[in-house]
Amino acid sequence: MSRHPELVASLREAGHRWTPQRESVLAALAESARHLTAEEIIARVRVRYPYLNKSAVYRNLAFLTRLGLVHQTDLGHGHIEYELHQDPHHHHLICRHCHHVLQIDHAALATLGKKLERDFGFQADLDHFAIFGVCKKCQTRAAKTAKRAAR
């Protein structure tokens, strides 16, 4: 179910104006089941508003990100990708070899956040980010290759 109406209500309750540009950016994200690049959002928005200025989309993405309604993440594709805030938060494990993306629950990093605050007095923003490494499948494949090379 789309959270679009809930997000519109939260914006209005916070005293922010609700514009067609904001609505169209939010709708494009709400209708997507995956992260979108700014260019993909612009393309989707222009289906409804063909003359919408590209900079208006970028301004509204920045605005919605500052409010915490949208998260931006670098998933290793060479550009920033956006998605609506989800509760509970989630994160991504990305394999540098096969580029597989695994979504993990925020609970996996909750201990890290508590440790950073306890040990360093630092409150980390662990809302939405990517962790790069090598997946188990690629590790196994690399071990087999190394074993064959050693023969």
N, C-alpha and C. Protein backbone atom coordinates (compact mmCIF):
# COMPACT_ATOMS: atom_id res chain seq x y z
N MET A 1 0.84 -1.18 0.00
CA MET A 1 0.00 0.00 0.00
C MET A 1 0.89 1.25 0.00
N SER A 2 0.51 2.22 -0.78
CA SER A 2 1.28 3.45 -0.92
C SER A 2 1.17 4.31 0.34
N ARG A 3 2.29 4.91 0.71
CA ARG A 3 2.31 5.82 1.86
C ARG A 3 2.13 7.26 1.41
N HIS A 4 1.87 7.45 0.13
CA HIS A 4 1.77 8.77 -0.45
C HIS A 4 0.81 9.69 0.32
N PRO A 5 -0.44 9.30 0.58
CA PRO A 5 -1.35 10.20 1.32
C PRO A 5 -0.84 10.55 2.72
N GLU A 6 -0.23 9.59 3.38
CA GLU A 6 0.33 9.82 4.72
C GLU A 6 1.45 10.87 4.66
N LEU A 7 2.29 10.80 3.65
CA LEU A 7 3.39 11.73 3.50
C LEU A 7 2.88 13.14 3.17
N VAL A 8 1.87 13.21 2.33
CA VAL A 8 1.26 14.51 2.01
C VAL A 8 0.71 15.14 3.29
N ALA A 9 0.02 14.36 4.08
CA ALA A 9 -0.55 14.87 5.34
C ALA A 9 0.54 15.35 6.28
N SER A 10 1.65 14.61 6.38
CA SER A 10 2.72 15.02 7.29
C SER A 10 3.37 16.33 6.83
N LEU A 11 3.48 16.52 5.54
CA LEU A 11 4.02 17.78 5.02
C LEU A 11 3.10 18.95 5.38
N ARG A 12 1.82 18.76 5.16
CA ARG A 12 0.85 19.83 5.45
C ARG A 12 0.81 20.14 6.94
N GLU A 13 0.84 19.10 7.78
CA GLU A 13 0.81 19.31 9.23
C GLU A 13 2.03 20.08 9.70
N ALA A 14 3.16 19.89 9.01
CA ALA A 14 4.39 20.59 9.37
C ALA A 14 4.42 22.02 8.83
N GLY A 15 3.35 22.40 8.12
CA GLY A 15 3.23 23.77 7.63
C GLY A 15 3.89 24.03 6.29
N HIS A 16 4.27 22.98 5.58
CA HIS A 16 4.91 23.16 4.27
C HIS A 16 3.85 23.21 3.18
N ARG A 17 4.11 24.02 2.18
CA ARG A 17 3.19 24.10 1.05
C ARG A 17 3.23 22.80 0.26
N TRP A 18 2.09 22.45 -0.27
CA TRP A 18 2.00 21.26 -1.09
C TRP A 18 1.82 21.71 -2.52
N THR A 19 2.85 21.52 -3.35
CA THR A 19 2.82 21.99 -4.73
C THR A 19 2.68 20.81 -5.68
N PRO A 20 2.24 21.07 -6.90
CA PRO A 20 2.17 19.99 -7.89
C PRO A 20 3.54 19.35 -8.15
N GLN A 21 4.59 20.16 -8.08
CA GLN A 21 5.93 19.60 -8.28
C GLN A 21 6.29 18.62 -7.18
N ARG A 22 6.03 19.00 -5.94
CA ARG A 22 6.32 18.09 -4.82
C ARG A 22 5.48 16.84 -4.92
N GLU A 23 4.22 17.04 -5.25
CA GLU A 23 3.31 15.90 -5.37
C GLU A 23 3.78 14.95 -6.45
N SER A 24 4.24 15.48 -7.58
CA SER A 24 4.64 14.61 -8.69
C SER A 24 5.94 13.85 -8.37
N VAL A 25 6.87 14.50 -7.68
CA VAL A 25 8.11 13.81 -7.28
C VAL A 25 7.79 12.72 -6.27
N LEU A 26 6.99 13.05 -5.28
CA LEU A 26 6.62 12.08 -4.26
C LEU A 26 5.84 10.91 -4.87
N ALA A 27 4.93 11.21 -5.80
CA ALA A 27 4.15 10.16 -6.45
C ALA A 27 5.05 9.22 -7.26
N ALA A 28 6.03 9.78 -7.96
CA ALA A 28 6.94 8.94 -8.75
C ALA A 28 7.69 7.97 -7.85
N LEU A 29 8.13 8.45 -6.69
CA LEU A 29 8.82 7.57 -5.74
C LEU A 29 7.88 6.57 -5.10
N ALA A 30 6.67 7.01 -4.76
CA ALA A 30 5.70 6.13 -4.11
C ALA A 30 5.24 5.01 -5.03
N GLU A 31 5.21 5.28 -6.31
CA GLU A 31 4.75 4.28 -7.28
C GLU A 31 5.85 3.29 -7.67
N SER A 32 7.06 3.52 -7.23
CA SER A 32 8.18 2.65 -7.60
C SER A 32 8.46 1.61 -6.51
N ALA A 33 8.81 0.43 -6.95
CA ALA A 33 9.16 -0.64 -6.01
C ALA A 33 10.67 -0.71 -5.79
N ARG A 34 11.40 0.25 -6.38
CA ARG A 34 12.86 0.23 -6.27
C ARG A 34 13.38 1.66 -6.15
N HIS A 35 14.69 1.77 -5.94
CA HIS A 35 15.33 3.08 -5.92
C HIS A 35 15.28 3.67 -7.32
N LEU A 36 15.20 4.99 -7.40
CA LEU A 36 15.18 5.67 -8.70
C LEU A 36 16.27 6.73 -8.74
N THR A 37 16.86 6.92 -9.91
CA THR A 37 17.79 8.02 -10.09
C THR A 37 16.98 9.29 -10.32
N ALA A 38 17.63 10.43 -10.21
CA ALA A 38 16.95 11.70 -10.47
C ALA A 38 16.43 11.73 -11.90
N GLU A 39 17.21 11.21 -12.83
CA GLU A 39 16.78 11.19 -14.24
C GLU A 39 15.53 10.32 -14.43
N GLU A 40 15.47 9.20 -13.73
CA GLU A 40 14.28 8.34 -13.82
C GLU A 40 13.07 9.05 -13.23
N ILE A 41 13.28 9.77 -12.14
CA ILE A 41 12.18 10.52 -11.52
C ILE A 41 11.70 11.61 -12.48
N ILE A 42 12.64 12.32 -13.10
CA ILE A 42 12.28 13.37 -14.05
C ILE A 42 11.45 12.78 -15.19
N ALA A 43 11.87 11.64 -15.73
CA ALA A 43 11.14 11.00 -16.83
C ALA A 43 9.72 10.62 -16.40
N ARG A 44 9.57 10.10 -15.18
CA ARG A 44 8.24 9.72 -14.69
C ARG A 44 7.36 10.94 -14.43
N VAL A 45 7.96 11.98 -13.89
CA VAL A 45 7.21 13.21 -13.60
C VAL A 45 6.75 13.86 -14.90
N ARG A 46 7.59 13.84 -15.91
CA ARG A 46 7.24 14.50 -17.17
C ARG A 46 6.13 13.80 -17.94
N VAL A 47 5.78 12.58 -17.55
CA VAL A 47 4.62 11.93 -18.15
C VAL A 47 3.37 12.73 -17.80
N ARG A 48 3.30 13.22 -16.57
CA ARG A 48 2.15 14.00 -16.10
C ARG A 48 2.31 15.49 -16.35
N TYR A 49 3.54 15.98 -16.22
CA TYR A 49 3.86 17.41 -16.38
C TYR A 49 5.01 17.55 -17.37
N PRO A 50 4.72 17.50 -18.67
CA PRO A 50 5.78 17.47 -19.68
C PRO A 50 6.73 18.68 -19.65
N TYR A 51 6.27 19.81 -19.17
CA TYR A 51 7.10 21.01 -19.20
C TYR A 51 7.76 21.32 -17.86
N LEU A 52 7.68 20.40 -16.92
CA LEU A 52 8.27 20.64 -15.61
C LEU A 52 9.78 20.77 -15.73
N ASN A 53 10.30 21.81 -15.14
CA ASN A 53 11.72 22.10 -15.18
C ASN A 53 12.49 21.05 -14.38
N LYS A 54 13.58 20.60 -14.96
CA LYS A 54 14.45 19.61 -14.33
C LYS A 54 14.94 20.10 -12.96
N SER A 55 15.27 21.38 -12.86
CA SER A 55 15.78 21.91 -11.59
C SER A 55 14.71 21.87 -10.50
N ALA A 56 13.43 21.97 -10.88
CA ALA A 56 12.35 21.87 -9.89
C ALA A 56 12.32 20.48 -9.27
N VAL A 57 12.60 19.47 -10.07
CA VAL A 57 12.64 18.10 -9.55
C VAL A 57 13.80 17.96 -8.57
N TYR A 58 14.98 18.47 -8.95
CA TYR A 58 16.15 18.39 -8.07
C TYR A 58 15.91 19.18 -6.77
N ARG A 59 15.32 20.37 -6.86
CA ARG A 59 15.03 21.17 -5.66
C ARG A 59 14.08 20.42 -4.73
N ASN A 60 13.06 19.79 -5.30
CA ASN A 60 12.10 19.06 -4.48
C ASN A 60 12.68 17.78 -3.92
N LEU A 61 13.55 17.13 -4.64
CA LEU A 61 14.24 15.96 -4.07
C LEU A 61 15.09 16.39 -2.87
N ALA A 62 15.79 17.51 -3.01
CA ALA A 62 16.61 18.01 -1.90
C ALA A 62 15.73 18.39 -0.71
N PHE A 63 14.62 19.05 -0.98
CA PHE A 63 13.68 19.44 0.08
C PHE A 63 13.12 18.22 0.81
N LEU A 64 12.64 17.24 0.06
CA LEU A 64 12.06 16.04 0.66
C LEU A 64 13.12 15.22 1.40
N THR A 65 14.36 15.26 0.93
CA THR A 65 15.46 14.58 1.62
C THR A 65 15.76 15.28 2.95
N ARG A 66 15.81 16.62 2.93
CA ARG A 66 16.06 17.37 4.18
C ARG A 66 14.99 17.08 5.22
N LEU A 67 13.75 16.89 4.78
CA LEU A 67 12.66 16.59 5.70
C LEU A 67 12.68 15.15 6.19
N GLY A 68 13.51 14.31 5.57
CA GLY A 68 13.58 12.90 5.97
C GLY A 68 12.51 12.03 5.33
N LEU A 69 11.78 12.57 4.36
CA LEU A 69 10.75 11.78 3.68
C LEU A 69 11.32 10.93 2.55
N VAL A 70 12.49 11.35 2.07
CA VAL A 70 13.17 10.65 0.99
C VAL A 70 14.61 10.41 1.43
N HIS A 71 15.13 9.25 1.08
CA HIS A 71 16.53 8.93 1.37
C HIS A 71 17.28 8.83 0.06
N GLN A 72 18.52 9.29 0.08
CA GLN A 72 19.39 9.13 -1.08
C GLN A 72 20.55 8.22 -0.70
N THR A 73 20.93 7.37 -1.65
CA THR A 73 21.97 6.39 -1.38
C THR A 73 22.80 6.19 -2.64
N ASP A 74 24.08 5.97 -2.46
CA ASP A 74 24.96 5.58 -3.56
C ASP A 74 25.05 4.06 -3.50
N LEU A 75 24.42 3.40 -4.44
CA LEU A 75 24.42 1.94 -4.48
C LEU A 75 25.51 1.39 -5.39
N GLY A 76 26.47 2.25 -5.74
CA GLY A 76 27.61 1.80 -6.52
C GLY A 76 27.40 1.81 -8.02
N HIS A 77 26.35 2.48 -8.48
CA HIS A 77 26.08 2.52 -9.91
C HIS A 77 26.58 3.81 -10.57
N GLY A 78 27.30 4.62 -9.83
CA GLY A 78 27.83 5.85 -10.39
C GLY A 78 26.91 7.04 -10.29
N HIS A 79 25.82 6.91 -9.56
CA HIS A 79 24.89 8.01 -9.37
C HIS A 79 24.13 7.80 -8.07
N ILE A 80 23.55 8.87 -7.58
CA ILE A 80 22.74 8.80 -6.37
C ILE A 80 21.36 8.26 -6.75
N GLU A 81 20.80 7.43 -5.88
CA GLU A 81 19.46 6.90 -6.09
C GLU A 81 18.59 7.28 -4.91
N TYR A 82 17.31 7.43 -5.16
CA TYR A 82 16.36 7.92 -4.17
C TYR A 82 15.26 6.89 -3.92
N GLU A 83 14.75 6.91 -2.69
CA GLU A 83 13.54 6.14 -2.37
C GLU A 83 12.85 6.79 -1.19
N LEU A 84 11.57 6.50 -1.04
CA LEU A 84 10.83 7.02 0.10
C LEU A 84 11.37 6.43 1.38
N HIS A 85 11.29 7.22 2.44
CA HIS A 85 11.66 6.73 3.77
C HIS A 85 10.76 5.56 4.12
N GLN A 86 11.36 4.53 4.67
CA GLN A 86 10.60 3.37 5.11
C GLN A 86 10.85 3.15 6.59
N ASP A 87 9.84 2.71 7.28
CA ASP A 87 9.97 2.39 8.68
C ASP A 87 9.66 0.93 8.85
N PRO A 88 10.49 0.12 9.37
CA PRO A 88 11.79 0.47 9.93
C PRO A 88 12.80 0.73 8.81
N HIS A 89 13.90 1.40 9.19
CA HIS A 89 14.96 1.69 8.25
C HIS A 89 15.54 0.39 7.72
N HIS A 90 16.16 0.48 6.57
CA HIS A 90 16.86 -0.68 6.02
C HIS A 90 18.16 -0.20 5.38
N HIS A 91 19.02 -1.14 5.11
CA HIS A 91 20.32 -0.84 4.54
C HIS A 91 20.61 -1.85 3.44
N HIS A 92 21.73 -1.66 2.76
CA HIS A 92 22.05 -2.52 1.62
C HIS A 92 23.47 -3.06 1.73
N LEU A 93 23.62 -4.34 1.45
CA LEU A 93 24.92 -4.97 1.31
C LEU A 93 25.11 -5.19 -0.18
N ILE A 94 26.21 -4.66 -0.73
CA ILE A 94 26.40 -4.70 -2.18
C ILE A 94 27.72 -5.41 -2.49
N CYS A 95 27.63 -6.44 -3.30
CA CYS A 95 28.82 -7.20 -3.69
C CYS A 95 29.58 -6.44 -4.79
N ARG A 96 30.85 -6.23 -4.55
CA ARG A 96 31.70 -5.52 -5.53
C ARG A 96 31.97 -6.37 -6.77
N HIS A 97 31.77 -7.69 -6.67
CA HIS A 97 32.06 -8.57 -7.81
C HIS A 97 30.83 -8.78 -8.69
N CYS A 98 29.77 -9.29 -8.13
CA CYS A 98 28.57 -9.62 -8.93
C CYS A 98 27.51 -8.52 -8.88
N HIS A 99 27.70 -7.52 -8.01
CA HIS A 99 26.81 -6.36 -7.87
C HIS A 99 25.44 -6.71 -7.29
N HIS A 100 25.33 -7.90 -6.71
CA HIS A 100 24.09 -8.27 -6.06
C HIS A 100 23.84 -7.34 -4.86
N VAL A 101 22.60 -6.92 -4.69
CA VAL A 101 22.23 -6.03 -3.58
C VAL A 101 21.30 -6.81 -2.65
N LEU A 102 21.70 -6.88 -1.40
CA LEU A 102 20.91 -7.55 -0.38
C LEU A 102 20.42 -6.50 0.60
N GLN A 103 19.14 -6.44 0.81
CA GLN A 103 18.57 -5.48 1.76
C GLN A 103 18.57 -6.11 3.15
N ILE A 104 19.07 -5.36 4.14
CA ILE A 104 19.09 -5.86 5.51
C ILE A 104 18.32 -4.92 6.42
N ASP A 105 17.77 -5.47 7.46
CA ASP A 105 17.00 -4.71 8.43
C ASP A 105 17.91 -3.83 9.27
N HIS A 106 17.39 -2.73 9.73
CA HIS A 106 18.14 -1.79 10.55
C HIS A 106 18.65 -2.43 11.84
N ALA A 107 17.95 -3.43 12.34
CA ALA A 107 18.35 -4.08 13.60
C ALA A 107 19.78 -4.61 13.52
N ALA A 108 20.23 -4.97 12.31
CA ALA A 108 21.59 -5.48 12.16
C ALA A 108 22.64 -4.43 12.51
N LEU A 109 22.28 -3.15 12.45
CA LEU A 109 23.23 -2.09 12.75
C LEU A 109 22.90 -1.31 14.03
N ALA A 110 21.82 -1.67 14.68
CA ALA A 110 21.41 -0.95 15.89
C ALA A 110 22.49 -1.02 16.97
N THR A 111 23.14 -2.16 17.10
CA THR A 111 24.20 -2.32 18.09
C THR A 111 25.36 -1.37 17.78
N LEU A 112 25.69 -1.23 16.51
CA LEU A 112 26.76 -0.31 16.12
C LEU A 112 26.41 1.11 16.54
N GLY A 113 25.19 1.54 16.28
CA GLY A 113 24.77 2.89 16.67
C GLY A 113 24.88 3.11 18.16
N LYS A 114 24.47 2.14 18.94
CA LYS A 114 24.55 2.25 20.41
C LYS A 114 26.01 2.30 20.87
N LYS A 115 26.85 1.49 20.23
CA LYS A 115 28.28 1.46 20.60
C LYS A 115 28.95 2.80 20.27
N LEU A 116 28.65 3.36 19.13
CA LEU A 116 29.23 4.66 18.76
C LEU A 116 28.82 5.75 19.74
N GLU A 117 27.57 5.70 20.16
CA GLU A 117 27.12 6.71 21.12
C GLU A 117 27.75 6.48 22.50
N ARG A 118 27.79 5.24 22.93
CA ARG A 118 28.34 4.91 24.24
C ARG A 118 29.84 5.20 24.30
N ASP A 119 30.60 4.73 23.32
CA ASP A 119 32.06 4.82 23.36
C ASP A 119 32.61 6.17 22.94
N PHE A 120 31.90 6.85 22.05
CA PHE A 120 32.43 8.09 21.49
C PHE A 120 31.53 9.30 21.68
N GLY A 121 30.35 9.10 22.26
CA GLY A 121 29.40 10.20 22.39
C GLY A 121 28.93 10.71 21.04
N PHE A 122 28.91 9.83 20.05
CA PHE A 122 28.58 10.20 18.68
C PHE A 122 27.25 9.58 18.28
N GLN A 123 26.31 10.41 17.86
CA GLN A 123 25.02 9.91 17.40
C GLN A 123 25.08 9.79 15.88
N ALA A 124 25.24 8.57 15.40
CA ALA A 124 25.37 8.31 13.97
C ALA A 124 24.00 8.32 13.29
N ASP A 125 23.96 8.87 12.08
CA ASP A 125 22.75 8.82 11.26
C ASP A 125 22.78 7.51 10.47
N LEU A 126 22.20 6.50 11.04
CA LEU A 126 22.18 5.19 10.40
C LEU A 126 20.83 4.94 9.75
N ASP A 127 20.38 5.91 8.98
CA ASP A 127 19.05 5.81 8.39
C ASP A 127 18.99 4.91 7.16
N HIS A 128 19.95 5.07 6.26
CA HIS A 128 19.84 4.36 4.99
C HIS A 128 21.16 4.48 4.26
N PHE A 129 21.87 3.40 4.15
CA PHE A 129 23.14 3.47 3.44
C PHE A 129 23.53 2.10 2.90
N ALA A 130 24.63 2.10 2.14
CA ALA A 130 25.11 0.88 1.50
C ALA A 130 26.46 0.49 2.07
N ILE A 131 26.65 -0.81 2.24
CA ILE A 131 27.92 -1.36 2.68
C ILE A 131 28.43 -2.25 1.55
N PHE A 132 29.64 -1.95 1.07
CA PHE A 132 30.21 -2.70 -0.04
C PHE A 132 31.15 -3.78 0.49
N GLY A 133 31.18 -4.88 -0.21
CA GLY A 133 32.04 -6.00 0.16
C GLY A 133 31.93 -7.10 -0.87
N VAL A 134 32.13 -8.33 -0.44
CA VAL A 134 32.06 -9.48 -1.34
C VAL A 134 31.09 -10.49 -0.75
N CYS A 135 30.12 -10.90 -1.54
CA CYS A 135 29.10 -11.84 -1.07
C CYS A 135 29.68 -13.24 -0.92
N LYS A 136 28.96 -14.08 -0.22
CA LYS A 136 29.42 -15.45 0.05
C LYS A 136 29.63 -16.24 -1.24
N LYS A 137 28.73 -16.07 -2.20
CA LYS A 137 28.82 -16.78 -3.47
C LYS A 137 30.12 -16.41 -4.21
N CYS A 138 30.45 -15.14 -4.24
CA CYS A 138 31.68 -14.70 -4.91
C CYS A 138 32.93 -15.11 -4.13
N GLN A 139 32.83 -15.14 -2.80
CA GLN A 139 33.96 -15.61 -1.99
C GLN A 139 34.25 -17.08 -2.29
N THR A 140 33.19 -17.87 -2.39
CA THR A 140 33.33 -19.31 -2.69
C THR A 140 33.93 -19.49 -4.06
N ARG A 141 33.43 -18.74 -5.04
CA ARG A 141 33.94 -18.82 -6.41
C ARG A 141 35.42 -18.45 -6.45
N ALA A 142 35.81 -17.39 -5.74
CA ALA A 142 37.21 -16.95 -5.71
C ALA A 142 38.10 -18.00 -5.05
N ALA A 143 37.59 -18.65 -3.99
CA ALA A 143 38.37 -19.69 -3.29
C ALA A 143 38.59 -20.88 -4.21
N LYS A 144 37.58 -21.26 -4.98
CA LYS A 144 37.71 -22.38 -5.92
C LYS A 144 38.71 -22.05 -7.01
N THR A 145 38.67 -20.82 -7.50
CA THR A 145 39.61 -20.37 -8.54
C THR A 145 41.04 -20.39 -8.01
N ALA A 146 41.22 -19.91 -6.79
CA ALA A 146 42.55 -19.88 -6.17
C ALA A 146 43.06 -21.30 -5.94
N LYS A 147 42.16 -22.19 -5.55
CA LYS A 147 42.55 -23.59 -5.30
C LYS A 147 43.01 -24.25 -6.61
N ARG A 148 42.26 -23.99 -7.71
CA ARG A 148 42.65 -24.55 -9.00
C ARG A 148 43.98 -23.98 -9.47
N ALA A 149 44.20 -22.71 -9.23
CA ALA A 149 45.45 -22.06 -9.65
C ALA A 149 46.65 -22.59 -8.87
N ALA A 150 46.40 -23.03 -7.63
CA ALA A 150 47.47 -23.53 -6.78
C ALA A 150 47.92 -24.93 -7.19
N ARG A 151 47.14 -25.64 -7.97
CA ARG A 151 47.48 -27.02 -8.38
C ARG A 151 48.59 -27.08 -9.34
